[in-house]
């Protein structure tokens, strides 16, 4: 009887020890898993912080400073703007180009008014120069919108970079052929200025491909077409004036322009 009791006690003792050993094993295994998972959790927890530090270095710093309990610089967030690339360098050039287009638009408008009065009565030339005036105006407004889109502002005090001949700069009451020559020169000047800005945007130390693409897409193609058309008109009218009846040649050419515009 005593032997049976001892065996029972031994079995209970072994069972208890086995349970303790199993619990210790499970605890150790759990710790190992936790240690394995902890670096991953730390990695994925730190990664967003690193991303924020890199991607929002300037604007994020301004926001953090402005929203703190003791805001610096009066809570300004000057770096939270749409500026990037070389827009700060090219902004003055774009502003001057806007003013060049506005000036050209008014010149064409005056020329259109001159040929549309009762004395000249050239409806074809009137329509041609009115269309050129509207085109230059629309391009100027569109460029102002692009400057604002890139985070800049328009300055109407920026003088056009292109230089016009002093002798003919104020003369807008022209003959038909002289007016075509003046229109051709003004479009060439705008085209040359567009090429200069395009080149500067591409080869500047801090390049701006967006400005180069905009100038190429919105100005260079249309200007090349206008230069070609005005060059053709000038040569055609010049050849027609070499005939005996020059007044009839001008009338027929104006009728052609009237049917076109």
C-alpha atoms as a PDB file:
ATOM      1  CA  UNK A   1       0.000   0.000   0.000  1.00  0.00           C
ATOM      2  CA  UNK A   2       2.829   2.345   0.971  1.00  0.00           C
ATOM      3  CA  UNK A   3       4.581   1.562  -2.333  1.00  0.00           C
ATOM      4  CA  UNK A   4       1.495   2.495  -4.350  1.00  0.00           C
ATOM      5  CA  UNK A   5       1.203   5.828  -2.545  1.00  0.00           C
ATOM      6  CA  UNK A   6       4.864   6.615  -3.279  1.00  0.00           C
ATOM      7  CA  UNK A   7       4.435   5.754  -6.968  1.00  0.00           C
ATOM      8  CA  UNK A   8       1.402   8.013  -7.168  1.00  0.00           C
ATOM      9  CA  UNK A   9       3.356  10.888  -5.613  1.00  0.00           C
ATOM     10  CA  UNK A  10       6.253  10.348  -8.013  1.00  0.00           C
ATOM     11  CA  UNK A  11       3.910  10.367 -11.009  1.00  0.00           C
ATOM     12  CA  UNK A  12       2.326  13.626  -9.821  1.00  0.00           C
ATOM     13  CA  UNK A  13       5.755  15.174  -9.309  1.00  0.00           C
ATOM     14  CA  UNK A  14       6.906  14.140 -12.793  1.00  0.00           C
ATOM     15  CA  UNK A  15       3.684  15.470 -14.324  1.00  0.00           C
ATOM     16  CA  UNK A  16       4.107  18.820 -12.571  1.00  0.00           C
ATOM     17  CA  UNK A  17       7.726  19.103 -13.695  1.00  0.00           C
ATOM     18  CA  UNK A  18       6.753  18.216 -17.256  1.00  0.00           C
ATOM     19  CA  UNK A  19       4.083  20.929 -17.250  1.00  0.00           C
ATOM     20  CA  UNK A  20       6.548  23.490 -15.925  1.00  0.00           C
ATOM     21  CA  UNK A  21       9.061  22.494 -18.596  1.00  0.00           C
ATOM     22  CA  UNK A  22       6.413  22.827 -21.311  1.00  0.00           C
ATOM     23  CA  UNK A  23       5.392  26.274 -20.044  1.00  0.00           C
ATOM     24  CA  UNK A  24       9.022  27.364 -20.002  1.00  0.00           C
ATOM     25  CA  UNK A  25       9.471  26.119 -23.579  1.00  0.00           C
ATOM     26  CA  UNK A  26       6.369  27.966 -24.810  1.00  0.00           C
ATOM     27  CA  UNK A  27       7.478  31.140 -23.019  1.00  0.00           C
ATOM     28  CA  UNK A  28      10.920  30.911 -24.568  1.00  0.00           C
ATOM     29  CA  UNK A  29       9.440  30.309 -28.028  1.00  0.00           C
ATOM     30  CA  UNK A  30       7.141  33.295 -27.580  1.00  0.00           C
ATOM     31  CA  UNK A  31      10.084  35.512 -26.645  1.00  0.00           C
ATOM     32  CA  UNK A  32      11.994  34.363 -29.717  1.00  0.00           C
ATOM     33  CA  UNK A  33       9.032  35.218 -31.972  1.00  0.00           C
ATOM     34  CA  UNK A  34       8.636  38.596 -30.314  1.00  0.00           C
ATOM     35  CA  UNK A  35      12.318  39.331 -30.839  1.00  0.00           C
ATOM     36  CA  UNK A  36      12.025  38.356 -34.489  1.00  0.00           C
ATOM     37  CA  UNK A  37       8.958  40.513 -35.022  1.00  0.00           C
ATOM     38  CA  UNK A  38      10.215  43.515 -33.087  1.00  0.00           C
ATOM     39  CA  UNK A  39      12.848  44.643 -35.661  1.00  0.00           C
ATOM     40  CA  UNK A  40      10.253  44.409 -38.445  1.00  0.00           C
ATOM     41  CA  UNK A  41       7.782  46.462 -36.438  1.00  0.00           C
ATOM     42  CA  UNK A  42      10.458  49.023 -35.670  1.00  0.00           C
ATOM     43  CA  UNK A  43      11.483  49.114 -39.369  1.00  0.00           C
ATOM     44  CA  UNK A  44       7.964  49.677 -40.631  1.00  0.00           C
ATOM     45  CA  UNK A  45       7.365  52.228 -37.897  1.00  0.00           C
ATOM     46  CA  UNK A  46      10.460  54.264 -38.709  1.00  0.00           C
ATOM     47  CA  UNK A  47      10.044  54.069 -42.524  1.00  0.00           C
ATOM     48  CA  UNK A  48       7.086  56.527 -42.728  1.00  0.00           C
ATOM     49  CA  UNK A  49       8.959  58.964 -40.505  1.00  0.00           C
ATOM     50  CA  UNK A  50      11.998  58.810 -42.785  1.00  0.00           C
ATOM     51  CA  UNK A  51       9.766  59.284 -45.827  1.00  0.00           C
ATOM     52  CA  UNK A  52       8.183  62.380 -44.302  1.00  0.00           C
ATOM     53  CA  UNK A  53      11.580  63.770 -43.408  1.00  0.00           C
ATOM     54  CA  UNK A  54      12.834  63.408 -46.996  1.00  0.00           C
ATOM     55  CA  UNK A  55       9.747  64.283 -49.049  1.00  0.00           C
ATOM     56  CA  UNK A  56       8.528  67.217 -46.957  1.00  0.00           C
ATOM     57  CA  UNK A  57      11.781  68.707 -45.835  1.00  0.00           C
ATOM     58  CA  UNK A  58      10.983  72.354 -46.491  1.00  0.00           C
ATOM     59  CA  UNK A  59       7.200  72.738 -46.500  1.00  0.00           C
ATOM     60  CA  UNK A  60       6.880  70.253 -43.629  1.00  0.00           C
ATOM     61  CA  UNK A  61       9.353  72.284 -41.579  1.00  0.00           C
ATOM     62  CA  UNK A  62       7.344  75.458 -42.178  1.00  0.00           C
ATOM     63  CA  UNK A  63       4.077  73.775 -41.225  1.00  0.00           C
ATOM     64  CA  UNK A  64       5.605  72.289 -38.102  1.00  0.00           C
ATOM     65  CA  UNK A  65       7.040  75.658 -37.109  1.00  0.00           C
ATOM     66  CA  UNK A  66       3.838  77.583 -37.837  1.00  0.00           C
ATOM     67  CA  UNK A  67       1.622  75.148 -35.931  1.00  0.00           C
ATOM     68  CA  UNK A  68       3.871  74.857 -32.871  1.00  0.00           C
ATOM     69  CA  UNK A  69       3.068  76.457 -29.519  1.00  0.00           C
ATOM     70  CA  UNK A  70       5.675  79.138 -30.206  1.00  0.00           C
ATOM     71  CA  UNK A  71       5.456  79.796 -33.966  1.00  0.00           C
ATOM     72  CA  UNK A  72       8.534  81.262 -35.621  1.00  0.00           C
ATOM     73  CA  UNK A  73       8.468  84.036 -38.231  1.00  0.00           C
ATOM     74  CA  UNK A  74       4.865  84.815 -37.428  1.00  0.00           C
ATOM     75  CA  UNK A  75       3.652  81.421 -38.630  1.00  0.00           C
ATOM     76  CA  UNK A  76       4.771  81.936 -42.248  1.00  0.00           C
ATOM     77  CA  UNK A  77       4.874  78.955 -44.614  1.00  0.00           C
ATOM     78  CA  UNK A  78       6.871  80.556 -47.424  1.00  0.00           C
ATOM     79  CA  UNK A  79       8.165  77.236 -48.757  1.00  0.00           C
ATOM     80  CA  UNK A  80       4.686  75.794 -49.283  1.00  0.00           C
ATOM     81  CA  UNK A  81       4.319  77.016 -52.864  1.00  0.00           C
ATOM     82  CA  UNK A  82       4.223  75.661 -56.419  1.00  0.00           C
ATOM     83  CA  UNK A  83       7.740  76.799 -57.324  1.00  0.00           C
ATOM     84  CA  UNK A  84      10.368  74.315 -58.468  1.00  0.00           C
ATOM     85  CA  UNK A  85      13.050  74.063 -61.104  1.00  0.00           C
ATOM     86  CA  UNK A  86      14.325  77.360 -62.515  1.00  0.00           C
ATOM     87  CA  UNK A  87      11.027  79.252 -62.397  1.00  0.00           C
ATOM     88  CA  UNK A  88      12.502  81.960 -60.143  1.00  0.00           C
ATOM     89  CA  UNK A  89      15.232  82.612 -62.715  1.00  0.00           C
ATOM     90  CA  UNK A  90      12.917  82.458 -65.739  1.00  0.00           C
ATOM     91  CA  UNK A  91       9.988  84.335 -64.211  1.00  0.00           C
ATOM     92  CA  UNK A  92      11.257  87.788 -65.235  1.00  0.00           C
ATOM     93  CA  UNK A  93      11.852  86.552 -68.800  1.00  0.00           C
ATOM     94  CA  UNK A  94       8.323  85.157 -68.994  1.00  0.00           C
ATOM     95  CA  UNK A  95       6.858  88.390 -67.610  1.00  0.00           C
ATOM     96  CA  UNK A  96       8.733  90.418 -70.215  1.00  0.00           C
ATOM     97  CA  UNK A  97       7.480  88.064 -72.925  1.00  0.00           C
ATOM     98  CA  UNK A  98       3.909  88.577 -71.736  1.00  0.00           C
ATOM     99  CA  UNK A  99       4.338  92.340 -72.071  1.00  0.00           C
ATOM    100  CA  UNK A 100       5.865  91.897 -75.529  1.00  0.00           C
ATOM    101  CA  UNK A 101       2.765  89.975 -76.635  1.00  0.00           C
ATOM    102  CA  UNK A 102       0.438  92.581 -75.117  1.00  0.00           C
ATOM    103  CA  UNK A 103       2.309  95.385 -76.885  1.00  0.00           C
ATOM    104  CA  UNK A 104       2.185  93.490 -80.180  1.00  0.00           C
ATOM    105  CA  UNK A 105      -1.524  92.861 -79.708  1.00  0.00           C
ATOM    106  CA  UNK A 106      -2.260  96.583 -79.358  1.00  0.00           C
ATOM    107  CA  UNK A 107      -0.099  97.417 -82.369  1.00  0.00           C
ATOM    108  CA  UNK A 108      -2.029  94.956 -84.534  1.00  0.00           C
ATOM    109  CA  UNK A 109      -5.297  96.329 -83.155  1.00  0.00           C
ATOM    110  CA  UNK A 110      -4.321  99.866 -84.209  1.00  0.00           C
ATOM    111  CA  UNK A 111      -3.270  98.606 -87.634  1.00  0.00           C
ATOM    112  CA  UNK A 112      -6.601  96.811 -87.976  1.00  0.00           C
ATOM    113  CA  UNK A 113      -8.441 100.012 -87.059  1.00  0.00           C
ATOM    114  CA  UNK A 114      -6.393 101.989 -89.587  1.00  0.00           C
ATOM    115  CA  UNK A 115      -7.264  99.678 -92.483  1.00  0.00           C
ATOM    116  CA  UNK A 116     -10.887  99.395 -91.362  1.00  0.00           C
ATOM    117  CA  UNK A 117     -11.703 103.111 -91.539  1.00  0.00           C
ATOM    118  CA  UNK A 118     -13.717 104.638 -94.371  1.00  0.00           C
ATOM    119  CA  UNK A 119     -10.634 106.058 -96.117  1.00  0.00           C
ATOM    120  CA  UNK A 120      -8.518 102.898 -96.367  1.00  0.00           C
ATOM    121  CA  UNK A 121     -11.482 100.505 -96.544  1.00  0.00           C
ATOM    122  CA  UNK A 122      -9.351  97.352 -96.620  1.00  0.00           C
ATOM    123  CA  UNK A 123     -11.534  94.773 -94.907  1.00  0.00           C
ATOM    124  CA  UNK A 124      -9.096  91.978 -95.679  1.00  0.00           C
ATOM    125  CA  UNK A 125      -6.157  93.683 -93.975  1.00  0.00           C
ATOM    126  CA  UNK A 126      -8.463  94.704 -91.144  1.00  0.00           C
ATOM    127  CA  UNK A 127      -9.438  91.071 -90.524  1.00  0.00           C
ATOM    128  CA  UNK A 128      -5.841  89.836 -90.799  1.00  0.00           C
ATOM    129  CA  UNK A 129      -4.479  92.239 -88.197  1.00  0.00           C
ATOM    130  CA  UNK A 130      -7.470  91.803 -85.907  1.00  0.00           C
ATOM    131  CA  UNK A 131      -6.872  88.059 -85.863  1.00  0.00           C
ATOM    132  CA  UNK A 132      -3.163  88.557 -85.164  1.00  0.00           C
ATOM    133  CA  UNK A 133      -4.064  90.977 -82.368  1.00  0.00           C
ATOM    134  CA  UNK A 134      -6.452  88.500 -80.758  1.00  0.00           C
ATOM    135  CA  UNK A 135      -3.906  85.700 -81.040  1.00  0.00           C
ATOM    136  CA  UNK A 136      -1.162  87.683 -79.293  1.00  0.00           C
ATOM    137  CA  UNK A 137      -3.604  88.742 -76.573  1.00  0.00           C
ATOM    138  CA  UNK A 138      -4.774  85.176 -75.948  1.00  0.00           C
ATOM    139  CA  UNK A 139      -1.193  83.921 -75.738  1.00  0.00           C
ATOM    140  CA  UNK A 140      -0.311  86.672 -73.262  1.00  0.00           C
ATOM    141  CA  UNK A 141      -3.250  85.788 -70.998  1.00  0.00           C
ATOM    142  CA  UNK A 142      -2.428  82.090 -71.223  1.00  0.00           C
ATOM    143  CA  UNK A 143       1.195  82.770 -70.271  1.00  0.00           C
ATOM    144  CA  UNK A 144       0.070  84.823 -67.252  1.00  0.00           C
ATOM    145  CA  UNK A 145      -1.987  81.829 -66.131  1.00  0.00           C
ATOM    146  CA  UNK A 146       1.030  79.570 -66.548  1.00  0.00           C
ATOM    147  CA  UNK A 147       3.211  81.891 -64.441  1.00  0.00           C
ATOM    148  CA  UNK A 148       0.577  81.763 -61.689  1.00  0.00           C
ATOM    149  CA  UNK A 149       0.324  77.987 -62.118  1.00  0.00           C
ATOM    150  CA  UNK A 150       4.044  77.705 -61.384  1.00  0.00           C
ATOM    151  CA  UNK A 151       3.743  79.796 -58.224  1.00  0.00           C
ATOM    152  CA  UNK A 152       4.789  83.146 -59.676  1.00  0.00           C
ATOM    153  CA  UNK A 153       3.142  86.518 -60.159  1.00  0.00           C
ATOM    154  CA  UNK A 154       2.759  88.814 -63.126  1.00  0.00           C
ATOM    155  CA  UNK A 155       4.765  92.041 -63.221  1.00  0.00           C
ATOM    156  CA  UNK A 156       3.564  94.425 -65.917  1.00  0.00           C
ATOM    157  CA  UNK A 157       6.615  96.630 -65.368  1.00  0.00           C
ATOM    158  CA  UNK A 158       8.953  94.103 -66.991  1.00  0.00           C
ATOM    159  CA  UNK A 159       9.864  95.654 -70.324  1.00  0.00           C
ATOM    160  CA  UNK A 160      10.037  93.451 -73.431  1.00  0.00           C
ATOM    161  CA  UNK A 161      13.533  92.188 -74.156  1.00  0.00           C
ATOM    162  CA  UNK A 162      13.274  92.519 -77.955  1.00  0.00           C
ATOM    163  CA  UNK A 163      14.428  95.796 -79.439  1.00  0.00           C
ATOM    164  CA  UNK A 164      12.395  97.421 -82.188  1.00  0.00           C
ATOM    165  CA  UNK A 165      13.737  99.934 -84.702  1.00  0.00           C
ATOM    166  CA  UNK A 166      13.336 103.415 -83.230  1.00  0.00           C
ATOM    167  CA  UNK A 167      12.481 104.902 -86.629  1.00  0.00           C
ATOM    168  CA  UNK A 168       9.448 102.692 -87.232  1.00  0.00           C
ATOM    169  CA  UNK A 169       8.387 101.926 -83.656  1.00  0.00           C
ATOM    170  CA  UNK A 170       5.659 104.597 -83.562  1.00  0.00           C
ATOM    171  CA  UNK A 171       4.536 104.365 -87.189  1.00  0.00           C
ATOM    172  CA  UNK A 172       1.325 102.361 -87.509  1.00  0.00           C
ATOM    173  CA  UNK A 173      -0.394 104.166 -90.412  1.00  0.00           C
ATOM    174  CA  UNK A 174       1.290 102.199 -93.172  1.00  0.00           C
ATOM    175  CA  UNK A 175       0.662 101.174 -96.726  1.00  0.00           C
ATOM    176  CA  UNK A 176      -0.500  97.637 -97.333  1.00  0.00           C
ATOM    177  CA  UNK A 177       2.927  96.244 -98.216  1.00  0.00           C
ATOM    178  CA  UNK A 178       4.721  98.126 -95.436  1.00  0.00           C
ATOM    179  CA  UNK A 179       2.193  96.877 -92.913  1.00  0.00           C
ATOM    180  CA  UNK A 180       2.867  93.269 -93.923  1.00  0.00           C
ATOM    181  CA  UNK A 181       6.596  93.858 -93.529  1.00  0.00           C
ATOM    182  CA  UNK A 182       6.095  95.355 -90.061  1.00  0.00           C
ATOM    183  CA  UNK A 183       3.824  92.471 -89.038  1.00  0.00           C
ATOM    184  CA  UNK A 184       6.400  89.956 -90.250  1.00  0.00           C
ATOM    185  CA  UNK A 185       9.177  91.663 -88.280  1.00  0.00           C
ATOM    186  CA  UNK A 186       7.131  91.697 -85.065  1.00  0.00           C
ATOM    187  CA  UNK A 187       6.300  87.992 -85.354  1.00  0.00           C
ATOM    188  CA  UNK A 188       9.945  87.160 -86.020  1.00  0.00           C
ATOM    189  CA  UNK A 189      10.957  89.077 -82.905  1.00  0.00           C
ATOM    190  CA  UNK A 190       8.460  87.130 -80.804  1.00  0.00           C
ATOM    191  CA  UNK A 191       9.704  83.884 -82.325  1.00  0.00           C
ATOM    192  CA  UNK A 192      13.339  84.752 -81.584  1.00  0.00           C
ATOM    193  CA  UNK A 193      12.452  85.669 -78.012  1.00  0.00           C
ATOM    194  CA  UNK A 194      10.577  82.381 -77.570  1.00  0.00           C
ATOM    195  CA  UNK A 195      13.635  80.501 -78.836  1.00  0.00           C
ATOM    196  CA  UNK A 196      15.866  82.382 -76.393  1.00  0.00           C
ATOM    197  CA  UNK A 197      13.652  81.536 -73.394  1.00  0.00           C
ATOM    198  CA  UNK A 198      13.392  77.926 -74.576  1.00  0.00           C
ATOM    199  CA  UNK A 199      17.183  77.659 -74.819  1.00  0.00           C
ATOM    200  CA  UNK A 200      17.684  79.288 -71.433  1.00  0.00           C
ATOM    201  CA  UNK A 201      15.228  76.884 -69.806  1.00  0.00           C
ATOM    202  CA  UNK A 202      17.072  73.881 -71.254  1.00  0.00           C
ATOM    203  CA  UNK A 203      20.700  74.906 -70.746  1.00  0.00           C
ATOM    204  CA  UNK A 204      20.484  76.776 -67.460  1.00  0.00           C
ATOM    205  CA  UNK A 205      22.412  75.323 -64.531  1.00  0.00           C
ATOM    206  CA  UNK A 206      19.048  74.575 -62.926  1.00  0.00           C
ATOM    207  CA  UNK A 207      17.021  73.324 -65.876  1.00  0.00           C
ATOM    208  CA  UNK A 208      13.260  73.661 -66.212  1.00  0.00           C
ATOM    209  CA  UNK A 209      11.893  71.231 -68.775  1.00  0.00           C
ATOM    210  CA  UNK A 210       8.308  72.272 -68.006  1.00  0.00           C
ATOM    211  CA  UNK A 211       8.921  75.861 -69.143  1.00  0.00           C
ATOM    212  CA  UNK A 212      10.761  74.659 -72.256  1.00  0.00           C
ATOM    213  CA  UNK A 213       7.876  72.329 -73.126  1.00  0.00           C
ATOM    214  CA  UNK A 214       5.296  75.062 -72.570  1.00  0.00           C
ATOM    215  CA  UNK A 215       7.114  77.565 -74.809  1.00  0.00           C
ATOM    216  CA  UNK A 216       7.588  74.958 -77.514  1.00  0.00           C
ATOM    217  CA  UNK A 217       3.982  73.793 -77.458  1.00  0.00           C
ATOM    218  CA  UNK A 218       2.163  77.131 -77.092  1.00  0.00           C
ATOM    219  CA  UNK A 219       4.377  79.537 -79.040  1.00  0.00           C
ATOM    220  CA  UNK A 220       6.989  78.076 -81.349  1.00  0.00           C
ATOM    221  CA  UNK A 221       4.684  76.092 -83.639  1.00  0.00           C
ATOM    222  CA  UNK A 222       2.095  78.842 -84.046  1.00  0.00           C
ATOM    223  CA  UNK A 223       4.732  81.554 -84.495  1.00  0.00           C
ATOM    224  CA  UNK A 224       6.534  79.595 -87.197  1.00  0.00           C
ATOM    225  CA  UNK A 225       3.227  79.237 -89.046  1.00  0.00           C
ATOM    226  CA  UNK A 226       2.488  82.977 -88.775  1.00  0.00           C
ATOM    227  CA  UNK A 227       5.990  83.945 -89.908  1.00  0.00           C
ATOM    228  CA  UNK A 228       5.682  81.686 -92.932  1.00  0.00           C
ATOM    229  CA  UNK A 229       2.244  83.057 -93.840  1.00  0.00           C
ATOM    230  CA  UNK A 230       3.227  86.723 -93.499  1.00  0.00           C
ATOM    231  CA  UNK A 231       6.412  86.135 -95.485  1.00  0.00           C
ATOM    232  CA  UNK A 232       4.318  84.625 -98.264  1.00  0.00           C
ATOM    233  CA  UNK A 233       1.842  87.524 -98.194  1.00  0.00           C
ATOM    234  CA  UNK A 234       4.662  90.072 -98.400  1.00  0.00           C
ATOM    235  CA  UNK A 235       6.287  88.431-101.397  1.00  0.00           C
ATOM    236  CA  UNK A 236       2.991  87.814-103.190  1.00  0.00           C
ATOM    237  CA  UNK A 237       1.865  91.412-102.810  1.00  0.00           C
ATOM    238  CA  UNK A 238       5.300  92.672-103.846  1.00  0.00           C
ATOM    239  CA  UNK A 239       5.125  90.642-107.053  1.00  0.00           C
ATOM    240  CA  UNK A 240       1.565  91.811-107.754  1.00  0.00           C
ATOM    241  CA  UNK A 241       2.544  95.467-107.345  1.00  0.00           C
ATOM    242  CA  UNK A 242       5.084  95.096-110.137  1.00  0.00           C
ATOM    243  CA  UNK A 243       2.201  94.821-112.599  1.00  0.00           C
ATOM    244  CA  UNK A 244       0.852  97.882-114.406  1.00  0.00           C
ATOM    245  CA  UNK A 245      -2.265  98.495-112.309  1.00  0.00           C
ATOM    246  CA  UNK A 246      -1.012  98.444-108.716  1.00  0.00           C
ATOM    247  CA  UNK A 247      -4.300  99.653-107.225  1.00  0.00           C
ATOM    248  CA  UNK A 248      -6.158  96.723-108.783  1.00  0.00           C
ATOM    249  CA  UNK A 249      -3.529  94.330-107.451  1.00  0.00           C
ATOM    250  CA  UNK A 250      -3.966  95.670-103.908  1.00  0.00           C
ATOM    251  CA  UNK A 251      -7.754  95.433-104.230  1.00  0.00           C
ATOM    252  CA  UNK A 252      -7.597  91.816-105.399  1.00  0.00           C
ATOM    253  CA  UNK A 253      -5.152  90.909-102.641  1.00  0.00           C
ATOM    254  CA  UNK A 254      -7.389  92.532-100.039  1.00  0.00           C
ATOM    255  CA  UNK A 255     -10.350  90.564-101.378  1.00  0.00           C
ATOM    256  CA  UNK A 256      -8.310  87.383-100.993  1.00  0.00           C
ATOM    257  CA  UNK A 257      -7.522  88.260 -97.369  1.00  0.00           C
ATOM    258  CA  UNK A 258     -11.179  89.106 -96.795  1.00  0.00           C
ATOM    259  CA  UNK A 259     -12.232  85.649 -97.965  1.00  0.00           C
ATOM    260  CA  UNK A 260      -9.557  84.058 -95.764  1.00  0.00           C
ATOM    261  CA  UNK A 261     -10.191  86.008 -92.539  1.00  0.00           C
END
